[in-house]
All heavy atoms as atom14 arrays in JSON, in Angstrom:
{
  "sequence": "VFELRIFGELSFREIGLIFSKTENWARVTYHRARLKLQER",
  "atom14_mask": [
    [1, 1, 1, 1, 1, 1, 1, 0, 0, 0, 0, 0, 0, 0],
    [1, 1, 1, 1, 1, 1, 1, 1, 1, 1, 1, 0, 0, 0],
    [1, 1, 1, 1, 1, 1, 1, 1, 1, 0, 0, 0, 0, 0],
    [1, 1, 1, 1, 1, 1, 1, 1, 0, 0, 0, 0, 0, 0],
    [1, 1, 1, 1, 1, 1, 1, 1, 1, 1, 1, 0, 0, 0],
    [1, 1, 1, 1, 1, 1, 1, 1, 0, 0, 0, 0, 0, 0],
    [1, 1, 1, 1, 1, 1, 1, 1, 1, 1, 1, 0, 0, 0],
    [1, 1, 1, 1, 0, 0, 0, 0, 0, 0, 0, 0, 0, 0],
    [1, 1, 1, 1, 1, 1, 1, 1, 1, 0, 0, 0, 0, 0],
    [1, 1, 1, 1, 1, 1, 1, 1, 0, 0, 0, 0, 0, 0],
    [1, 1, 1, 1, 1, 1, 0, 0, 0, 0, 0, 0, 0, 0],
    [1, 1, 1, 1, 1, 1, 1, 1, 1, 1, 1, 0, 0, 0],
    [1, 1, 1, 1, 1, 1, 1, 1, 1, 1, 1, 0, 0, 0],
    [1, 1, 1, 1, 1, 1, 1, 1, 1, 0, 0, 0, 0, 0],
    [1, 1, 1, 1, 1, 1, 1, 1, 0, 0, 0, 0, 0, 0],
    [1, 1, 1, 1, 0, 0, 0, 0, 0, 0, 0, 0, 0, 0],
    [1, 1, 1, 1, 1, 1, 1, 1, 0, 0, 0, 0, 0, 0],
    [1, 1, 1, 1, 1, 1, 1, 1, 0, 0, 0, 0, 0, 0],
    [1, 1, 1, 1, 1, 1, 1, 1, 1, 1, 1, 0, 0, 0],
    [1, 1, 1, 1, 1, 1, 0, 0, 0, 0, 0, 0, 0, 0],
    [1, 1, 1, 1, 1, 1, 1, 1, 1, 0, 0, 0, 0, 0],
    [1, 1, 1, 1, 1, 1, 1, 0, 0, 0, 0, 0, 0, 0],
    [1, 1, 1, 1, 1, 1, 1, 1, 1, 0, 0, 0, 0, 0],
    [1, 1, 1, 1, 1, 1, 1, 1, 0, 0, 0, 0, 0, 0],
    [1, 1, 1, 1, 1, 1, 1, 1, 1, 1, 1, 1, 1, 1],
    [1, 1, 1, 1, 1, 0, 0, 0, 0, 0, 0, 0, 0, 0],
    [1, 1, 1, 1, 1, 1, 1, 1, 1, 1, 1, 0, 0, 0],
    [1, 1, 1, 1, 1, 1, 1, 0, 0, 0, 0, 0, 0, 0],
    [1, 1, 1, 1, 1, 1, 1, 0, 0, 0, 0, 0, 0, 0],
    [1, 1, 1, 1, 1, 1, 1, 1, 1, 1, 1, 1, 0, 0],
    [1, 1, 1, 1, 1, 1, 1, 1, 1, 1, 0, 0, 0, 0],
    [1, 1, 1, 1, 1, 1, 1, 1, 1, 1, 1, 0, 0, 0],
    [1, 1, 1, 1, 1, 0, 0, 0, 0, 0, 0, 0, 0, 0],
    [1, 1, 1, 1, 1, 1, 1, 1, 1, 1, 1, 0, 0, 0],
    [1, 1, 1, 1, 1, 1, 1, 1, 0, 0, 0, 0, 0, 0],
    [1, 1, 1, 1, 1, 1, 1, 1, 1, 0, 0, 0, 0, 0],
    [1, 1, 1, 1, 1, 1, 1, 1, 0, 0, 0, 0, 0, 0],
    [1, 1, 1, 1, 1, 1, 1, 1, 1, 0, 0, 0, 0, 0],
    [1, 1, 1, 1, 1, 1, 1, 1, 1, 0, 0, 0, 0, 0],
    [1, 1, 1, 1, 1, 1, 1, 1, 1, 1, 1, 0, 0, 0]
  ],
  "atom14_positions": [
    [[3.99, 2.77, 1.07], [2.8, 1.82, 1.01], [3.28, 0.42, 1.03], [2.79, -0.37, 1.78], [1.9, 2.23, -0.06], [0.73, 1.16, -0.23], [1.28, 3.53, 0.16], [0.0, 0.0, 0.0], [0.0, 0.0, 0.0], [0.0, 0.0, 0.0], [0.0, 0.0, 0.0], [0.0, 0.0, 0.0], [0.0, 0.0, 0.0], [0.0, 0.0, 0.0]],
    [[4.2, 0.1, 0.17], [4.66, -1.38, 0.01], [5.42, -1.78, 1.35], [5.04, -2.79, 1.83], [5.64, -1.39, -1.09], [6.2, -2.78, -1.33], [5.43, -3.7, -2.19], [7.35, -3.31, -0.7], [5.72, -4.9, -2.46], [7.86, -4.58, -1.03], [6.99, -5.41, -1.7], [0.0, 0.0, 0.0], [0.0, 0.0, 0.0], [0.0, 0.0, 0.0]],
    [[6.15, -0.9, 1.95], [6.81, -1.18, 3.14], [5.82, -1.35, 4.34], [5.85, -2.18, 5.18], [7.79, -0.12, 3.61], [9.07, -0.22, 2.62], [10.03, 0.86, 2.84], [9.67, 1.95, 3.5], [11.13, 0.74, 2.47], [0.0, 0.0, 0.0], [0.0, 0.0, 0.0], [0.0, 0.0, 0.0], [0.0, 0.0, 0.0], [0.0, 0.0, 0.0]],
    [[4.84, -0.55, 4.35], [3.84, -0.57, 5.42], [3.03, -1.88, 5.34], [2.71, -2.53, 6.34], [2.86, 0.6, 5.16], [3.43, 1.85, 5.86], [2.36, 3.07, 5.4], [3.52, 1.94, 7.31], [0.0, 0.0, 0.0], [0.0, 0.0, 0.0], [0.0, 0.0, 0.0], [0.0, 0.0, 0.0], [0.0, 0.0, 0.0], [0.0, 0.0, 0.0]],
    [[2.64, -2.4, 4.17], [1.98, -3.51, 3.93], [2.77, -4.82, 4.24], [2.4, -5.62, 4.87], [1.5, -3.57, 2.45], [0.6, -4.7, 2.17], [-0.7, -4.76, 2.94], [-1.49, -5.87, 2.47], [-2.44, -6.38, 3.07], [-2.97, -5.68, 4.13], [-3.04, -7.48, 2.66], [0.0, 0.0, 0.0], [0.0, 0.0, 0.0], [0.0, 0.0, 0.0]],
    [[4.0, -4.78, 3.7], [4.85, -6.0, 3.83], [5.61, -6.09, 5.18], [5.47, -7.11, 5.81], [5.87, -6.14, 2.61], [5.13, -6.19, 1.21], [6.87, -7.33, 2.82], [4.26, -7.34, 1.06], [0.0, 0.0, 0.0], [0.0, 0.0, 0.0], [0.0, 0.0, 0.0], [0.0, 0.0, 0.0], [0.0, 0.0, 0.0], [0.0, 0.0, 0.0]],
    [[6.32, -5.09, 5.46], [7.05, -5.07, 6.71], [6.35, -4.59, 7.93], [6.52, -5.18, 8.95], [8.31, -4.23, 6.59], [9.26, -4.63, 5.39], [9.45, -3.64, 4.34], [9.81, -5.81, 5.35], [10.26, -3.96, 3.28], [10.53, -6.23, 4.22], [10.73, -5.31, 3.22], [0.0, 0.0, 0.0], [0.0, 0.0, 0.0], [0.0, 0.0, 0.0]],
    [[5.4, -3.6, 7.78], [4.6, -3.17, 8.94], [3.43, -4.08, 9.14], [2.81, -3.89, 10.25], [0.0, 0.0, 0.0], [0.0, 0.0, 0.0], [0.0, 0.0, 0.0], [0.0, 0.0, 0.0], [0.0, 0.0, 0.0], [0.0, 0.0, 0.0], [0.0, 0.0, 0.0], [0.0, 0.0, 0.0], [0.0, 0.0, 0.0], [0.0, 0.0, 0.0]],
    [[3.04, -4.86, 8.19], [1.91, -5.76, 8.29], [0.64, -5.0, 8.62], [-0.23, -5.57, 9.36], [2.23, -6.96, 9.29], [3.44, -7.74, 8.97], [3.64, -8.82, 10.01], [2.9, -8.9, 11.06], [4.61, -9.57, 9.78], [0.0, 0.0, 0.0], [0.0, 0.0, 0.0], [0.0, 0.0, 0.0], [0.0, 0.0, 0.0], [0.0, 0.0, 0.0]],
    [[0.53, -3.8, 8.01], [-0.71, -2.97, 8.2], [-1.74, -3.51, 7.2], [-1.4, -3.82, 6.0], [-0.47, -1.65, 8.04], [0.47, -1.12, 9.23], [0.65, 0.48, 9.03], [-0.02, -1.33, 10.6], [0.0, 0.0, 0.0], [0.0, 0.0, 0.0], [0.0, 0.0, 0.0], [0.0, 0.0, 0.0], [0.0, 0.0, 0.0], [0.0, 0.0, 0.0]],
    [[-3.01, -3.26, 7.5], [-4.1, -3.45, 6.58], [-4.06, -2.37, 5.61], [-3.57, -1.24, 5.88], [-5.45, -3.67, 7.36], [-5.82, -2.56, 7.84], [0.0, 0.0, 0.0], [0.0, 0.0, 0.0], [0.0, 0.0, 0.0], [0.0, 0.0, 0.0], [0.0, 0.0, 0.0], [0.0, 0.0, 0.0], [0.0, 0.0, 0.0], [0.0, 0.0, 0.0]],
    [[-4.9, -2.57, 4.48], [-5.05, -1.46, 3.57], [-5.85, -0.34, 4.15], [-5.57, 0.89, 3.95], [-5.8, -1.98, 2.33], [-4.9, -2.84, 1.45], [-5.34, -4.07, 1.22], [-3.76, -2.38, 0.94], [-4.6, -5.12, 0.38], [-2.93, -3.3, 0.16], [-3.4, -4.53, -0.15], [0.0, 0.0, 0.0], [0.0, 0.0, 0.0], [0.0, 0.0, 0.0]],
    [[-6.72, -0.62, 5.01], [-7.5, 0.42, 5.83], [-6.57, 1.33, 6.61], [-6.73, 2.39, 6.6], [-8.61, -0.29, 6.69], [-9.54, 0.67, 7.36], [-10.53, -0.18, 8.16], [-11.03, 0.61, 9.34], [-10.32, 0.89, 10.47], [-9.06, 0.64, 10.5], [-10.82, 1.57, 11.41], [0.0, 0.0, 0.0], [0.0, 0.0, 0.0], [0.0, 0.0, 0.0]],
    [[-5.68, 0.59, 7.37], [-4.79, 1.28, 8.15], [-3.77, 2.22, 7.32], [-3.54, 3.32, 7.85], [-3.93, 0.27, 9.16], [-4.8, -0.4, 10.16], [-4.15, -1.46, 10.76], [-3.37, -2.3, 10.07], [-4.45, -1.82, 11.91], [0.0, 0.0, 0.0], [0.0, 0.0, 0.0], [0.0, 0.0, 0.0], [0.0, 0.0, 0.0], [0.0, 0.0, 0.0]],
    [[-3.39, 1.57, 6.29], [-2.41, 2.43, 5.48], [-3.19, 3.67, 4.82], [-2.63, 4.71, 4.81], [-1.91, 1.56, 4.27], [-1.0, 0.41, 4.81], [-1.2, 2.38, 3.26], [-0.67, -0.62, 3.91], [0.0, 0.0, 0.0], [0.0, 0.0, 0.0], [0.0, 0.0, 0.0], [0.0, 0.0, 0.0], [0.0, 0.0, 0.0], [0.0, 0.0, 0.0]],
    [[-4.51, 3.37, 4.44], [-5.14, 4.64, 3.99], [-5.35, 5.69, 5.06], [-5.26, 6.86, 4.74], [0.0, 0.0, 0.0], [0.0, 0.0, 0.0], [0.0, 0.0, 0.0], [0.0, 0.0, 0.0], [0.0, 0.0, 0.0], [0.0, 0.0, 0.0], [0.0, 0.0, 0.0], [0.0, 0.0, 0.0], [0.0, 0.0, 0.0], [0.0, 0.0, 0.0]],
    [[-5.66, 5.32, 6.23], [-5.64, 6.24, 7.37], [-4.4, 7.01, 7.6], [-4.43, 8.21, 7.86], [-6.17, 5.52, 8.68], [-7.6, 4.98, 8.52], [-7.82, 4.14, 9.88], [-8.49, 6.1, 8.69], [0.0, 0.0, 0.0], [0.0, 0.0, 0.0], [0.0, 0.0, 0.0], [0.0, 0.0, 0.0], [0.0, 0.0, 0.0], [0.0, 0.0, 0.0]],
    [[-3.33, 6.43, 7.48], [-2.01, 7.06, 7.75], [-1.87, 8.1, 6.63], [-1.28, 9.19, 6.99], [-0.87, 5.99, 7.7], [-0.87, 5.11, 8.83], [0.58, 6.64, 7.57], [0.11, 3.99, 8.94], [0.0, 0.0, 0.0], [0.0, 0.0, 0.0], [0.0, 0.0, 0.0], [0.0, 0.0, 0.0], [0.0, 0.0, 0.0], [0.0, 0.0, 0.0]],
    [[-2.27, 7.84, 5.38], [-1.99, 8.84, 4.41], [-3.27, 9.69, 4.2], [-3.3, 10.54, 3.23], [-1.9, 8.1, 3.04], [-0.46, 7.55, 2.86], [-0.07, 6.24, 3.27], [0.53, 8.34, 2.26], [1.11, 5.87, 3.19], [1.86, 7.85, 2.07], [2.21, 6.58, 2.62], [0.0, 0.0, 0.0], [0.0, 0.0, 0.0], [0.0, 0.0, 0.0]],
    [[-4.38, 9.55, 5.09], [-5.56, 10.29, 5.02], [-6.22, 10.12, 3.59], [-6.72, 11.06, 2.9], [-5.36, 11.86, 5.2], [-4.68, 11.95, 6.45], [0.0, 0.0, 0.0], [0.0, 0.0, 0.0], [0.0, 0.0, 0.0], [0.0, 0.0, 0.0], [0.0, 0.0, 0.0], [0.0, 0.0, 0.0], [0.0, 0.0, 0.0], [0.0, 0.0, 0.0]],
    [[-6.17, 8.73, 3.21], [-6.77, 8.4, 1.88], [-7.78, 7.31, 2.23], [-7.96, 6.86, 3.24], [-5.75, 7.98, 0.85], [-4.61, 8.9, 0.65], [-5.08, 9.97, -0.38], [-3.84, 10.76, -0.81], [-4.17, 11.83, -1.68], [0.0, 0.0, 0.0], [0.0, 0.0, 0.0], [0.0, 0.0, 0.0], [0.0, 0.0, 0.0], [0.0, 0.0, 0.0]],
    [[-8.3, 6.71, 1.2], [-9.2, 5.57, 1.25], [-8.5, 4.21, 1.32], [-7.35, 4.26, 0.94], [-10.21, 5.55, 0.12], [-9.47, 5.39, -1.14], [-10.97, 6.82, 0.04], [0.0, 0.0, 0.0], [0.0, 0.0, 0.0], [0.0, 0.0, 0.0], [0.0, 0.0, 0.0], [0.0, 0.0, 0.0], [0.0, 0.0, 0.0], [0.0, 0.0, 0.0]],
    [[-9.1, 3.21, 1.71], [-8.75, 1.93, 1.74], [-8.36, 1.47, 0.26], [-7.4, 0.81, 0.04], [-9.79, 0.91, 2.44], [-9.24, -0.46, 2.46], [-10.33, -1.32, 3.0], [-11.15, -0.9, 3.88], [-10.14, -2.69, 2.76], [0.0, 0.0, 0.0], [0.0, 0.0, 0.0], [0.0, 0.0, 0.0], [0.0, 0.0, 0.0], [0.0, 0.0, 0.0]],
    [[-9.21, 1.82, -0.67], [-9.15, 1.46, -2.01], [-7.87, 2.19, -2.65], [-7.06, 1.54, -3.32], [-10.37, 1.87, -2.8], [-10.24, 1.27, -4.22], [-9.93, 0.09, -4.3], [-10.64, 2.03, -5.21], [0.0, 0.0, 0.0], [0.0, 0.0, 0.0], [0.0, 0.0, 0.0], [0.0, 0.0, 0.0], [0.0, 0.0, 0.0], [0.0, 0.0, 0.0]],
    [[-7.57, 3.28, -2.27], [-6.37, 4.06, -2.71], [-5.21, 3.25, -2.28], [-4.24, 3.07, -3.07], [-6.32, 5.43, -2.06], [-5.03, 6.12, -2.51], [-4.74, 6.96, -3.53], [-3.82, 6.22, -1.69], [-3.4, 7.37, -3.48], [-2.8, 6.96, -2.31], [-3.48, 5.58, -0.38], [-1.59, 7.14, -1.79], [-2.17, 5.89, 0.04], [-1.19, 6.57, -0.62]],
    [[-5.06, 2.87, -0.97], [-3.97, 2.11, -0.43], [-3.93, 0.82, -1.18], [-2.69, 0.28, -1.64], [-4.17, 1.86, 1.06], [0.0, 0.0, 0.0], [0.0, 0.0, 0.0], [0.0, 0.0, 0.0], [0.0, 0.0, 0.0], [0.0, 0.0, 0.0], [0.0, 0.0, 0.0], [0.0, 0.0, 0.0], [0.0, 0.0, 0.0], [0.0, 0.0, 0.0]],
    [[-4.92, 0.08, -1.56], [-4.86, -1.11, -2.17], [-4.18, -1.06, -3.54], [-3.49, -1.7, -4.06], [-6.31, -1.73, -2.2], [-6.3, -3.13, -2.75], [-7.86, -3.65, -2.77], [-8.42, -3.54, -1.43], [-8.35, -4.34, -0.53], [-7.73, -5.56, -0.51], [-9.04, -4.23, 0.67], [0.0, 0.0, 0.0], [0.0, 0.0, 0.0], [0.0, 0.0, 0.0]],
    [[-4.8, 0.1, -4.37], [-4.27, 0.25, -5.68], [-2.85, 0.63, -5.61], [-2.05, 0.23, -6.42], [-5.04, 1.46, -6.41], [-4.57, 1.84, -7.67], [-6.59, 0.79, -6.61], [0.0, 0.0, 0.0], [0.0, 0.0, 0.0], [0.0, 0.0, 0.0], [0.0, 0.0, 0.0], [0.0, 0.0, 0.0], [0.0, 0.0, 0.0], [0.0, 0.0, 0.0]],
    [[-2.48, 1.59, -4.64], [-0.99, 2.01, -4.67], [-0.12, 0.9, -4.33], [0.91, 0.84, -4.86], [-1.01, 3.17, -3.59], [-1.9, 4.23, -3.91], [0.43, 3.8, -3.58], [0.0, 0.0, 0.0], [0.0, 0.0, 0.0], [0.0, 0.0, 0.0], [0.0, 0.0, 0.0], [0.0, 0.0, 0.0], [0.0, 0.0, 0.0], [0.0, 0.0, 0.0]],
    [[-0.51, 0.0, -3.44], [0.21, -1.26, -3.13], [0.47, -2.03, -4.24], [1.59, -2.43, -4.69], [-0.41, -2.0, -1.98], [0.17, -3.3, -1.81], [1.44, -3.54, -1.17], [-0.38, -4.43, -2.32], [2.08, -4.77, -1.08], [0.14, -5.74, -2.2], [1.43, -5.82, -1.49], [1.89, -7.15, -1.36], [0.0, 0.0, 0.0], [0.0, 0.0, 0.0]],
    [[-0.62, -2.31, -5.1], [-0.52, -3.22, -6.25], [0.46, -2.48, -7.41], [1.15, -3.26, -7.97], [-1.84, -3.61, -6.72], [-2.47, -4.61, -5.85], [-2.09, -5.88, -5.67], [-3.43, -4.58, -4.95], [-2.82, -6.47, -4.74], [-3.8, -5.64, -4.34], [0.0, 0.0, 0.0], [0.0, 0.0, 0.0], [0.0, 0.0, 0.0], [0.0, 0.0, 0.0]],
    [[0.27, -1.31, -7.48], [1.08, -0.58, -8.44], [2.54, -0.62, -8.08], [3.46, -0.8, -8.77], [0.66, 0.92, -8.62], [-0.62, 1.06, -9.33], [-1.05, 2.47, -9.46], [-2.29, 2.52, -10.24], [-3.04, 3.57, -10.32], [-2.62, 4.66, -9.61], [-4.15, 3.73, -10.92], [0.0, 0.0, 0.0], [0.0, 0.0, 0.0], [0.0, 0.0, 0.0]],
    [[2.83, -0.39, -6.69], [4.23, -0.5, -6.28], [4.73, -1.92, -6.43], [5.87, -2.12, -6.9], [4.13, -0.2, -4.62], [0.0, 0.0, 0.0], [0.0, 0.0, 0.0], [0.0, 0.0, 0.0], [0.0, 0.0, 0.0], [0.0, 0.0, 0.0], [0.0, 0.0, 0.0], [0.0, 0.0, 0.0], [0.0, 0.0, 0.0], [0.0, 0.0, 0.0]],
    [[3.91, -3.05, -6.14], [4.41, -4.36, -6.53], [4.73, -4.53, -7.94], [5.7, -5.17, -8.22], [3.26, -5.29, -6.1], [3.79, -6.46, -5.16], [2.67, -7.36, -4.84], [2.21, -8.13, -6.0], [1.02, -8.62, -6.1], [0.2, -8.78, -5.11], [0.73, -9.34, -7.18], [0.0, 0.0, 0.0], [0.0, 0.0, 0.0], [0.0, 0.0, 0.0]],
    [[3.88, -4.03, -8.85], [4.28, -4.14, -10.23], [5.46, -3.37, -10.61], [6.31, -3.92, -11.38], [3.1, -3.68, -11.19], [1.82, -4.46, -11.11], [0.75, -3.79, -11.78], [2.02, -5.83, -11.69], [0.0, 0.0, 0.0], [0.0, 0.0, 0.0], [0.0, 0.0, 0.0], [0.0, 0.0, 0.0], [0.0, 0.0, 0.0], [0.0, 0.0, 0.0]],
    [[5.75, -2.14, -10.11], [6.88, -1.42, -10.46], [8.2, -2.1, -9.74], [9.18, -2.18, -10.57], [6.77, 0.07, -9.7], [5.88, 1.0, -10.49], [5.73, 2.18, -9.74], [4.71, 3.11, -10.34], [5.34, 3.92, -11.52], [0.0, 0.0, 0.0], [0.0, 0.0, 0.0], [0.0, 0.0, 0.0], [0.0, 0.0, 0.0], [0.0, 0.0, 0.0]],
    [[7.96, -2.58, -8.74], [9.16, -3.34, -8.13], [9.53, -4.61, -8.9], [10.65, -4.89, -9.06], [8.79, -3.71, -6.62], [9.88, -4.24, -5.68], [11.05, -3.2, -5.66], [9.39, -4.58, -4.4], [0.0, 0.0, 0.0], [0.0, 0.0, 0.0], [0.0, 0.0, 0.0], [0.0, 0.0, 0.0], [0.0, 0.0, 0.0], [0.0, 0.0, 0.0]],
    [[8.55, -5.31, -9.33], [8.72, -6.58, -10.22], [9.44, -6.14, -11.37], [10.31, -6.71, -11.95], [7.44, -7.28, -10.45], [7.54, -8.64, -11.2], [8.47, -9.56, -10.25], [8.02, -9.75, -9.18], [9.43, -10.12, -10.91], [0.0, 0.0, 0.0], [0.0, 0.0, 0.0], [0.0, 0.0, 0.0], [0.0, 0.0, 0.0], [0.0, 0.0, 0.0]],
    [[8.9, -5.11, -12.0], [9.57, -4.57, -13.33], [11.02, -4.31, -13.08], [11.85, -4.6, -14.0], [8.81, -3.36, -13.88], [7.45, -3.63, -14.37], [6.65, -2.35, -14.67], [7.31, -1.29, -14.63], [5.47, -2.42, -15.18], [0.0, 0.0, 0.0], [0.0, 0.0, 0.0], [0.0, 0.0, 0.0], [0.0, 0.0, 0.0], [0.0, 0.0, 0.0]],
    [[11.3, -3.66, -12.07], [12.68, -3.23, -11.83], [13.61, -4.48, -11.49], [14.77, -4.54, -11.86], [12.79, -2.23, -10.61], [12.26, -0.96, -11.03], [12.48, 0.12, -10.05], [11.8, 1.31, -10.65], [11.4, 2.4, -9.98], [11.68, 2.49, -8.7], [10.92, 3.44, -10.56], [0.0, 0.0, 0.0], [0.0, 0.0, 0.0], [0.0, 0.0, 0.0]]
  ]
}
C-alpha cells in the first residue's frame, strides 16, 4: 500500500480497488504503514 501510494502515485480509491477494499481501508493502511516505517 505504501509503495502504491508513494511510488505508483495511486489514489487511495485506486489502491482500495486493487485490494478489493474500501478507500478508507487504503487510507488507514497507508497511514499505519507510514507510522511503522517511521518507527523503524
